[in-house]
């Protein structure tokens, strides 16, 4: 399954299940109830126009692909990562990655662009874990997307309930000291992936 949705559309899907999208969105202010309400209306209209909501005599229903997307809003995420600018104040500075293991055989990956476009893909939990680890490795090697020489951009992520922060050349897990060897960081991260149902080899 591959699917592209907008911020408005995922907000509308989450609202249909009586919950909120589990991570901040680039184009919708999550703390503004009026903005959220407007996004729900826009998103619901867009889903209908695109034929992703099926109208029948029994009422509206979601396609199978959208059912899986709705579950992301209902199940704790296994992995979340944001590109964050830390100065002059903490703010979202790029896209995000959200990965949720829906079953022992299926994980849903949501790659969120800075423009608020969500690129969904259904993969195995092991594949999802490898993708997340590769994302962190790339940030370690080259710095987060949009990083500057001033070092004011970082990837802030979580594996289950454990915070992981990555800048170029360093990984910090929880409140620990920076780890400056990727091999050492990887060895410490793999058990966290396993605990979040996204085990990697």
Protein backbone atom coordinates (compact mmCIF):
# COMPACT_ATOMS: atom_id res chain seq x y z
CA UNK A 1 0.00 0.00 0.00
CA UNK A 2 1.29 3.43 -0.94
CA UNK A 3 -0.82 6.51 -0.39
CA UNK A 4 -0.36 10.29 -0.27
CA UNK A 5 -2.47 12.47 2.01
CA UNK A 6 -2.35 16.05 3.25
CA UNK A 7 -2.23 17.39 6.80
CA UNK A 8 -5.90 18.36 6.48
CA UNK A 9 -6.84 14.85 5.38
CA UNK A 10 -5.05 13.06 8.23
CA UNK A 11 -6.60 15.50 10.74
CA UNK A 12 -10.03 14.65 9.33
CA UNK A 13 -9.32 10.92 9.53
CA UNK A 14 -8.17 11.17 13.12
CA UNK A 15 -11.25 13.22 14.00
CA UNK A 16 -13.47 10.53 12.44
CA UNK A 17 -12.04 8.13 15.04
CA UNK A 18 -12.52 10.63 17.87
CA UNK A 19 -8.82 11.36 18.36
CA UNK A 20 -5.97 13.61 17.22
CA UNK A 21 -3.08 12.90 14.89
CA UNK A 22 -0.26 11.71 17.18
CA UNK A 23 2.46 14.13 16.05
CA UNK A 24 2.62 17.88 15.31
CA UNK A 25 1.82 18.76 11.71
CA UNK A 26 3.68 21.30 9.54
CA UNK A 27 0.62 23.17 8.25
CA UNK A 28 -2.02 22.76 11.00
CA UNK A 29 -1.66 24.41 14.41
CA UNK A 30 -2.52 21.62 16.84
CA UNK A 31 -3.18 23.94 19.79
CA UNK A 32 -5.69 26.07 17.88
CA UNK A 33 -9.12 24.42 18.07
CA UNK A 34 -10.56 26.69 15.37
CA UNK A 35 -7.70 25.86 12.98
CA UNK A 36 -8.16 22.16 13.70
CA UNK A 37 -11.89 22.40 13.01
CA UNK A 38 -11.27 24.13 9.69
CA UNK A 39 -8.68 21.49 8.76
CA UNK A 40 -11.19 18.73 9.51
CA UNK A 41 -13.75 20.33 7.19
CA UNK A 42 -11.21 20.84 4.39
CA UNK A 43 -9.79 17.36 4.82
CA UNK A 44 -13.18 15.60 4.81
CA UNK A 45 -14.18 17.46 1.64
CA UNK A 46 -10.89 16.57 -0.04
CA UNK A 47 -11.19 12.87 0.85
CA UNK A 48 -14.66 12.77 -0.72
CA UNK A 49 -13.52 14.59 -3.87
CA UNK A 50 -10.65 12.10 -4.25
CA UNK A 51 -13.02 9.15 -3.85
CA UNK A 52 -11.25 7.87 -0.75
CA UNK A 53 -14.46 8.00 1.28
CA UNK A 54 -17.04 5.56 -0.04
CA UNK A 55 -20.63 6.77 0.01
CA UNK A 56 -23.38 4.15 0.20
CA UNK A 57 -26.96 3.80 1.36
CA UNK A 58 -25.61 2.88 4.81
CA UNK A 59 -23.59 6.11 4.95
CA UNK A 60 -19.96 7.01 4.46
CA UNK A 61 -17.18 4.47 4.93
CA UNK A 62 -13.43 4.51 4.49
CA UNK A 63 -11.38 2.60 1.96
CA UNK A 64 -9.20 -0.22 3.35
CA UNK A 65 -6.09 1.95 2.97
CA UNK A 66 -7.63 4.73 5.03
CA UNK A 67 -8.69 2.26 7.73
CA UNK A 68 -5.00 1.47 8.24
CA UNK A 69 -4.14 5.18 8.39
CA UNK A 70 -6.82 5.78 11.05
CA UNK A 71 -5.21 3.09 13.22
CA UNK A 72 -2.06 5.25 13.43
CA UNK A 73 -4.07 7.77 15.44
CA UNK A 74 -5.28 5.02 17.78
CA UNK A 75 -2.09 2.97 18.39
CA UNK A 76 1.04 4.25 20.19
CA UNK A 77 3.79 5.02 17.68
CA UNK A 78 6.90 2.85 17.67
CA UNK A 79 9.12 5.57 16.20
CA UNK A 80 8.73 9.31 15.72
CA UNK A 81 11.38 11.74 14.45
CA UNK A 82 11.21 15.49 13.81
CA UNK A 83 13.71 17.94 12.36
CA UNK A 84 13.83 20.70 14.97
CA UNK A 85 15.56 24.09 15.02
CA UNK A 86 16.80 24.85 18.53
CA UNK A 87 17.56 28.57 18.28
CA UNK A 88 16.46 31.25 18.78
CA UNK A 89 13.58 29.06 20.00
CA UNK A 90 12.61 25.44 19.54
CA UNK A 91 10.50 25.07 16.39
CA UNK A 92 9.81 22.52 13.72
CA UNK A 93 12.33 23.04 10.94
CA UNK A 94 11.56 20.27 8.49
CA UNK A 95 9.67 17.09 7.93
CA UNK A 96 9.00 14.14 10.18
CA UNK A 97 8.82 10.35 10.21
CA UNK A 98 6.12 8.39 12.03
CA UNK A 99 6.17 4.58 12.18
CA UNK A 100 3.55 2.43 13.86
CA UNK A 101 3.51 -1.37 14.10
CA UNK A 102 -0.13 -2.29 13.45
CA UNK A 103 0.34 -6.07 13.67
CA UNK A 104 3.25 -8.50 14.01
CA UNK A 105 3.40 -8.52 10.21
CA UNK A 106 2.55 -4.94 9.25
CA UNK A 107 3.92 -1.50 10.08
CA UNK A 108 2.77 1.73 8.51
CA UNK A 109 5.38 4.37 7.67
CA UNK A 110 4.34 8.02 7.37
CA UNK A 111 6.98 10.28 5.79
CA UNK A 112 5.82 13.85 6.39
CA UNK A 113 7.25 16.61 4.22
CA UNK A 114 7.77 20.17 5.39
CA UNK A 115 4.86 21.12 3.11
CA UNK A 116 2.51 18.82 5.02
CA UNK A 117 2.30 15.96 2.51
CA UNK A 118 2.15 12.47 4.04
CA UNK A 119 3.64 9.61 2.06
CA UNK A 120 2.36 6.33 3.55
CA UNK A 121 3.79 2.90 2.91
CA UNK A 122 2.97 -0.49 4.42
CA UNK A 123 6.04 -2.61 5.24
CA UNK A 124 7.06 -5.30 7.69
CA UNK A 125 8.04 -4.17 11.21
CA UNK A 126 11.64 -5.24 10.50
CA UNK A 127 11.74 -3.15 7.31
CA UNK A 128 10.26 -0.21 9.20
CA UNK A 129 12.89 -0.53 11.91
CA UNK A 130 15.66 -0.59 9.32
CA UNK A 131 14.23 2.52 7.65
CA UNK A 132 14.15 4.37 10.97
CA UNK A 133 17.69 3.30 11.83
CA UNK A 134 18.90 4.40 8.39
CA UNK A 135 17.22 7.78 8.91
CA UNK A 136 19.07 8.30 12.19
CA UNK A 137 22.34 7.06 10.65
CA UNK A 138 22.03 9.57 7.80
CA UNK A 139 21.47 12.39 10.30
CA UNK A 140 24.53 11.21 12.25
CA UNK A 141 26.69 11.13 9.10
CA UNK A 142 25.51 14.28 7.35
CA UNK A 143 23.45 16.19 9.89
CA UNK A 144 19.68 16.67 9.86
CA UNK A 145 18.11 18.05 6.68
CA UNK A 146 18.52 21.83 6.84
CA UNK A 147 21.38 21.70 9.34
CA UNK A 148 23.76 24.67 9.40
CA UNK A 149 27.35 25.07 10.52
CA UNK A 150 25.99 26.65 13.70
CA UNK A 151 24.58 23.27 14.66
CA UNK A 152 21.16 24.67 15.53
CA UNK A 153 19.16 21.89 13.85
CA UNK A 154 18.74 18.40 15.23
CA UNK A 155 16.62 15.30 14.83
CA UNK A 156 14.50 14.70 17.90
CA UNK A 157 13.02 11.24 17.96
CA UNK A 158 11.45 8.73 20.26
CA UNK A 159 11.54 4.95 20.29
CA UNK A 160 8.55 4.03 22.36
CA UNK A 161 9.03 6.17 25.48
CA UNK A 162 12.80 6.74 25.01
CA UNK A 163 14.00 10.06 23.60
CA UNK A 164 16.80 9.97 21.02
CA UNK A 165 18.48 13.14 19.73
CA UNK A 166 20.82 13.14 16.72
CA UNK A 167 23.11 15.84 15.38
CA UNK A 168 26.00 15.37 13.00
CA UNK A 169 28.49 13.08 14.69
CA UNK A 170 26.59 12.47 17.93
CA UNK A 171 23.63 10.52 19.29
CA UNK A 172 22.12 11.11 22.73
CA UNK A 173 19.80 8.47 24.18
CA UNK A 174 17.60 9.70 27.01
CA UNK A 175 19.67 11.78 29.44
CA UNK A 176 22.89 9.94 28.59
CA UNK A 177 26.15 11.38 27.31
CA UNK A 178 26.57 11.95 23.55
CA UNK A 179 27.70 8.82 21.71
CA UNK A 180 30.18 9.77 18.99
CA UNK A 181 30.63 6.37 17.35
CA UNK A 182 27.80 5.18 15.10
CA UNK A 183 28.65 1.53 15.84
CA UNK A 184 28.22 2.18 19.57
CA UNK A 185 25.04 4.17 18.99
CA UNK A 186 23.59 1.44 16.79
CA UNK A 187 24.32 -1.20 19.43
CA UNK A 188 22.43 0.89 22.00
CA UNK A 189 19.53 1.68 19.65
CA UNK A 190 18.75 -1.85 18.46
CA UNK A 191 17.28 -3.05 21.79
CA UNK A 192 15.04 0.03 21.81
CA UNK A 193 13.75 -0.88 18.35
CA UNK A 194 13.02 -4.42 19.56
CA UNK A 195 11.10 -3.07 22.55
CA UNK A 196 8.99 -0.90 20.23
CA UNK A 197 8.12 -3.90 17.97
CA UNK A 198 10.40 -2.62 15.19
CA UNK A 199 13.28 -5.05 15.60
CA UNK A 200 16.20 -4.67 13.20
CA UNK A 201 18.86 -7.21 12.31
